[in-house]
Amino acid sequence: MGSRLFKQLLEMLEEDIADLPFIDILYKLEKLNLLDEAKDWISLRQTRNTVSHEYPFYKDIQIEELNLLPGEVEKLAAIWIRLKEYTIHRLNF
């Protein structure tokens, strides 16, 4: 879930997203009430980047980020459910 899904959803809604940076796509989703805040998604991406790459000099930060994962999974699931319900309702699937 992310760039590809967000873009496809906005295109199906006939939003003009041509050449938009990803942050502006997030703001469009926020405006449509599909994301509470664009910064939430940015935070999720930061956590993913921190835990998926090994930086030996940032072990303490990685441990902190790993401890955040259960809450981040809940946020991700909530976003997925919101997108799914919106798509079903709006596009009559």
N, C-alpha and C. Protein backbone atom coordinates (compact mmCIF):
# COMPACT_ATOMS: atom_id res chain seq x y z
N MET A 1 0.86 -1.16 0.00
CA MET A 1 0.00 0.00 0.00
C MET A 1 0.91 1.22 0.00
N GLY A 2 0.52 2.20 -0.69
CA GLY A 2 1.33 3.40 -0.73
C GLY A 2 1.15 4.13 -2.04
N SER A 3 2.26 4.50 -2.62
CA SER A 3 2.26 5.34 -3.81
C SER A 3 1.36 4.80 -4.92
N ARG A 4 1.51 3.54 -5.24
CA ARG A 4 0.75 2.97 -6.35
C ARG A 4 -0.76 2.95 -6.06
N LEU A 5 -1.11 2.45 -4.89
CA LEU A 5 -2.52 2.36 -4.53
C LEU A 5 -3.15 3.75 -4.41
N PHE A 6 -2.45 4.65 -3.75
CA PHE A 6 -2.97 6.00 -3.58
C PHE A 6 -3.20 6.67 -4.93
N LYS A 7 -2.24 6.54 -5.81
CA LYS A 7 -2.38 7.15 -7.14
C LYS A 7 -3.54 6.53 -7.92
N GLN A 8 -3.66 5.21 -7.87
CA GLN A 8 -4.74 4.55 -8.60
C GLN A 8 -6.10 4.97 -8.07
N LEU A 9 -6.23 5.07 -6.76
CA LEU A 9 -7.50 5.50 -6.18
C LEU A 9 -7.84 6.92 -6.61
N LEU A 10 -6.88 7.81 -6.54
CA LEU A 10 -7.14 9.20 -6.93
C LEU A 10 -7.45 9.31 -8.42
N GLU A 11 -6.79 8.50 -9.24
CA GLU A 11 -7.10 8.51 -10.67
C GLU A 11 -8.52 8.02 -10.92
N MET A 12 -8.96 6.99 -10.20
CA MET A 12 -10.33 6.49 -10.36
C MET A 12 -11.35 7.55 -9.93
N LEU A 13 -10.93 8.42 -9.01
CA LEU A 13 -11.80 9.51 -8.57
C LEU A 13 -11.68 10.73 -9.47
N GLU A 14 -10.89 10.59 -10.53
CA GLU A 14 -10.65 11.63 -11.53
C GLU A 14 -10.02 12.88 -10.93
N GLU A 15 -9.17 12.66 -9.94
CA GLU A 15 -8.38 13.76 -9.38
C GLU A 15 -7.18 14.00 -10.29
N ASP A 16 -6.83 15.25 -10.45
CA ASP A 16 -5.67 15.60 -11.27
C ASP A 16 -4.41 15.44 -10.41
N ILE A 17 -3.68 14.36 -10.68
CA ILE A 17 -2.46 14.10 -9.89
C ILE A 17 -1.22 14.02 -10.77
N ALA A 18 -1.38 14.35 -12.03
CA ALA A 18 -0.25 14.29 -12.95
C ALA A 18 0.91 15.14 -12.42
N ASP A 19 2.05 14.55 -12.35
CA ASP A 19 3.29 15.22 -11.95
C ASP A 19 3.28 15.76 -10.51
N LEU A 20 2.35 15.28 -9.68
CA LEU A 20 2.34 15.74 -8.29
C LEU A 20 3.39 14.99 -7.48
N PRO A 21 4.08 15.68 -6.60
CA PRO A 21 4.96 14.97 -5.68
C PRO A 21 4.11 14.14 -4.71
N PHE A 22 4.72 13.11 -4.14
CA PHE A 22 3.98 12.20 -3.27
C PHE A 22 3.34 12.93 -2.09
N ILE A 23 4.00 13.91 -1.54
CA ILE A 23 3.43 14.63 -0.40
C ILE A 23 2.12 15.31 -0.78
N ASP A 24 2.00 15.81 -2.00
CA ASP A 24 0.76 16.43 -2.44
C ASP A 24 -0.34 15.39 -2.64
N ILE A 25 0.03 14.19 -3.02
CA ILE A 25 -0.93 13.09 -3.11
C ILE A 25 -1.47 12.78 -1.72
N LEU A 26 -0.57 12.77 -0.74
CA LEU A 26 -1.01 12.55 0.64
C LEU A 26 -1.96 13.65 1.10
N TYR A 27 -1.67 14.89 0.73
CA TYR A 27 -2.56 16.00 1.10
C TYR A 27 -3.94 15.85 0.45
N LYS A 28 -3.99 15.36 -0.78
CA LYS A 28 -5.28 15.11 -1.44
C LYS A 28 -6.06 14.05 -0.68
N LEU A 29 -5.37 12.99 -0.26
CA LEU A 29 -6.03 11.94 0.52
C LEU A 29 -6.53 12.49 1.85
N GLU A 30 -5.75 13.36 2.44
CA GLU A 30 -6.16 14.01 3.69
C GLU A 30 -7.42 14.85 3.46
N LYS A 31 -7.43 15.60 2.38
CA LYS A 31 -8.58 16.45 2.06
C LYS A 31 -9.85 15.62 1.84
N LEU A 32 -9.69 14.42 1.28
CA LEU A 32 -10.81 13.51 1.06
C LEU A 32 -11.16 12.72 2.31
N ASN A 33 -10.45 12.99 3.40
CA ASN A 33 -10.65 12.31 4.68
C ASN A 33 -10.29 10.82 4.62
N LEU A 34 -9.36 10.49 3.75
CA LEU A 34 -8.88 9.11 3.66
C LEU A 34 -7.64 8.90 4.53
N LEU A 35 -6.98 9.96 4.86
CA LEU A 35 -5.89 9.96 5.84
C LEU A 35 -6.24 11.03 6.87
N ASP A 36 -5.99 10.73 8.14
CA ASP A 36 -6.21 11.76 9.16
C ASP A 36 -5.27 12.93 8.91
N GLU A 37 -3.99 12.60 8.72
CA GLU A 37 -2.99 13.62 8.44
C GLU A 37 -1.91 13.02 7.55
N ALA A 38 -1.44 13.79 6.60
CA ALA A 38 -0.37 13.33 5.70
C ALA A 38 0.86 12.94 6.50
N LYS A 39 1.11 13.64 7.58
CA LYS A 39 2.30 13.34 8.38
C LYS A 39 2.25 11.95 9.01
N ASP A 40 1.03 11.39 9.19
CA ASP A 40 0.92 10.03 9.70
C ASP A 40 1.57 9.03 8.74
N TRP A 41 1.30 9.21 7.46
CA TRP A 41 1.88 8.30 6.46
C TRP A 41 3.39 8.49 6.39
N ILE A 42 3.84 9.71 6.48
CA ILE A 42 5.28 9.98 6.46
C ILE A 42 5.95 9.30 7.66
N SER A 43 5.29 9.35 8.80
CA SER A 43 5.81 8.69 10.00
C SER A 43 5.87 7.17 9.81
N LEU A 44 4.84 6.61 9.21
CA LEU A 44 4.83 5.16 8.93
C LEU A 44 6.00 4.79 8.00
N ARG A 45 6.22 5.59 7.00
CA ARG A 45 7.33 5.32 6.07
C ARG A 45 8.68 5.43 6.77
N GLN A 46 8.81 6.40 7.66
CA GLN A 46 10.07 6.56 8.40
C GLN A 46 10.34 5.34 9.28
N THR A 47 9.30 4.87 9.96
CA THR A 47 9.46 3.68 10.79
C THR A 47 9.86 2.49 9.93
N ARG A 48 9.20 2.32 8.80
CA ARG A 48 9.54 1.22 7.90
C ARG A 48 10.99 1.32 7.45
N ASN A 49 11.41 2.50 7.06
CA ASN A 49 12.79 2.67 6.59
C ASN A 49 13.80 2.37 7.69
N THR A 50 13.50 2.80 8.89
CA THR A 50 14.43 2.59 10.00
C THR A 50 14.58 1.11 10.34
N VAL A 51 13.46 0.38 10.37
CA VAL A 51 13.55 -1.02 10.78
C VAL A 51 13.93 -1.96 9.64
N SER A 52 13.79 -1.52 8.40
CA SER A 52 14.09 -2.41 7.28
C SER A 52 15.53 -2.28 6.78
N HIS A 53 16.25 -1.28 7.25
CA HIS A 53 17.64 -1.11 6.86
C HIS A 53 18.51 -1.22 8.10
N GLU A 54 19.64 -1.81 7.92
CA GLU A 54 20.53 -2.02 9.06
C GLU A 54 21.60 -0.94 9.10
N TYR A 55 21.52 -0.13 10.14
CA TYR A 55 22.51 0.92 10.37
C TYR A 55 23.16 0.63 11.72
N PRO A 56 24.37 0.08 11.72
CA PRO A 56 24.98 -0.33 12.99
C PRO A 56 25.17 0.80 13.98
N PHE A 57 25.28 2.02 13.52
CA PHE A 57 25.50 3.15 14.42
C PHE A 57 24.19 3.76 14.91
N TYR A 58 23.03 3.20 14.51
CA TYR A 58 21.73 3.69 14.96
C TYR A 58 20.93 2.60 15.66
N LYS A 59 21.60 1.71 16.37
CA LYS A 59 20.91 0.59 17.02
C LYS A 59 19.84 1.06 18.00
N ASP A 60 20.13 2.08 18.79
CA ASP A 60 19.16 2.56 19.77
C ASP A 60 17.90 3.08 19.08
N ILE A 61 18.09 3.78 17.99
CA ILE A 61 16.94 4.30 17.23
C ILE A 61 16.14 3.15 16.64
N GLN A 62 16.85 2.12 16.12
CA GLN A 62 16.14 0.97 15.56
C GLN A 62 15.32 0.26 16.63
N ILE A 63 15.86 0.13 17.82
CA ILE A 63 15.13 -0.52 18.91
C ILE A 63 13.88 0.29 19.25
N GLU A 64 14.01 1.60 19.32
CA GLU A 64 12.85 2.46 19.58
C GLU A 64 11.78 2.28 18.50
N GLU A 65 12.22 2.27 17.25
CA GLU A 65 11.28 2.12 16.13
C GLU A 65 10.62 0.73 16.14
N LEU A 66 11.38 -0.30 16.47
CA LEU A 66 10.80 -1.65 16.57
C LEU A 66 9.71 -1.70 17.63
N ASN A 67 9.91 -0.98 18.72
CA ASN A 67 8.91 -0.95 19.78
C ASN A 67 7.64 -0.21 19.34
N LEU A 68 7.75 0.63 18.32
CA LEU A 68 6.59 1.35 17.80
C LEU A 68 5.76 0.50 16.84
N LEU A 69 6.32 -0.59 16.34
CA LEU A 69 5.67 -1.36 15.28
C LEU A 69 4.24 -1.81 15.59
N PRO A 70 3.94 -2.33 16.78
CA PRO A 70 2.54 -2.74 17.01
C PRO A 70 1.55 -1.60 16.79
N GLY A 71 1.85 -0.42 17.27
CA GLY A 71 0.96 0.73 17.05
C GLY A 71 0.91 1.15 15.60
N GLU A 72 2.04 1.05 14.91
CA GLU A 72 2.08 1.43 13.50
C GLU A 72 1.28 0.46 12.65
N VAL A 73 1.30 -0.82 13.02
CA VAL A 73 0.50 -1.82 12.31
C VAL A 73 -0.98 -1.49 12.45
N GLU A 74 -1.39 -1.08 13.64
CA GLU A 74 -2.79 -0.70 13.86
C GLU A 74 -3.17 0.51 12.99
N LYS A 75 -2.29 1.49 12.91
CA LYS A 75 -2.54 2.66 12.06
C LYS A 75 -2.67 2.26 10.60
N LEU A 76 -1.77 1.39 10.16
CA LEU A 76 -1.77 0.93 8.78
C LEU A 76 -3.06 0.17 8.46
N ALA A 77 -3.47 -0.68 9.38
CA ALA A 77 -4.72 -1.44 9.19
C ALA A 77 -5.92 -0.49 9.12
N ALA A 78 -5.93 0.53 9.96
CA ALA A 78 -7.03 1.49 9.96
C ALA A 78 -7.09 2.25 8.63
N ILE A 79 -5.94 2.62 8.12
CA ILE A 79 -5.90 3.32 6.82
C ILE A 79 -6.42 2.39 5.73
N TRP A 80 -5.99 1.14 5.75
CA TRP A 80 -6.43 0.16 4.75
C TRP A 80 -7.95 0.00 4.80
N ILE A 81 -8.50 -0.15 5.98
CA ILE A 81 -9.95 -0.33 6.12
C ILE A 81 -10.68 0.91 5.62
N ARG A 82 -10.18 2.09 5.96
CA ARG A 82 -10.82 3.33 5.50
C ARG A 82 -10.81 3.42 3.98
N LEU A 83 -9.66 3.11 3.36
CA LEU A 83 -9.57 3.14 1.90
C LEU A 83 -10.51 2.12 1.26
N LYS A 84 -10.54 0.93 1.83
CA LYS A 84 -11.40 -0.13 1.30
C LYS A 84 -12.87 0.26 1.39
N GLU A 85 -13.30 0.73 2.55
CA GLU A 85 -14.70 1.12 2.72
C GLU A 85 -15.07 2.29 1.81
N TYR A 86 -14.18 3.25 1.69
CA TYR A 86 -14.43 4.39 0.83
C TYR A 86 -14.58 3.93 -0.63
N THR A 87 -13.68 3.05 -1.04
CA THR A 87 -13.72 2.57 -2.42
C THR A 87 -15.00 1.80 -2.69
N ILE A 88 -15.39 0.93 -1.78
CA ILE A 88 -16.63 0.17 -1.95
C ILE A 88 -17.82 1.10 -2.03
N HIS A 89 -17.88 2.07 -1.14
CA HIS A 89 -19.02 2.99 -1.11
C HIS A 89 -19.02 3.93 -2.31
N ARG A 90 -17.90 4.55 -2.57
CA ARG A 90 -17.81 5.59 -3.61
C ARG A 90 -17.87 5.02 -5.02
N LEU A 91 -17.24 3.90 -5.23
CA LEU A 91 -17.18 3.33 -6.57
C LEU A 91 -18.17 2.19 -6.79
N ASN A 92 -19.01 1.97 -5.82
CA ASN A 92 -20.06 0.95 -5.91
C ASN A 92 -19.55 -0.43 -6.24
N PHE A 93 -18.52 -0.85 -5.56
CA PHE A 93 -17.99 -2.21 -5.78
C PHE A 93 -18.76 -3.19 -4.93
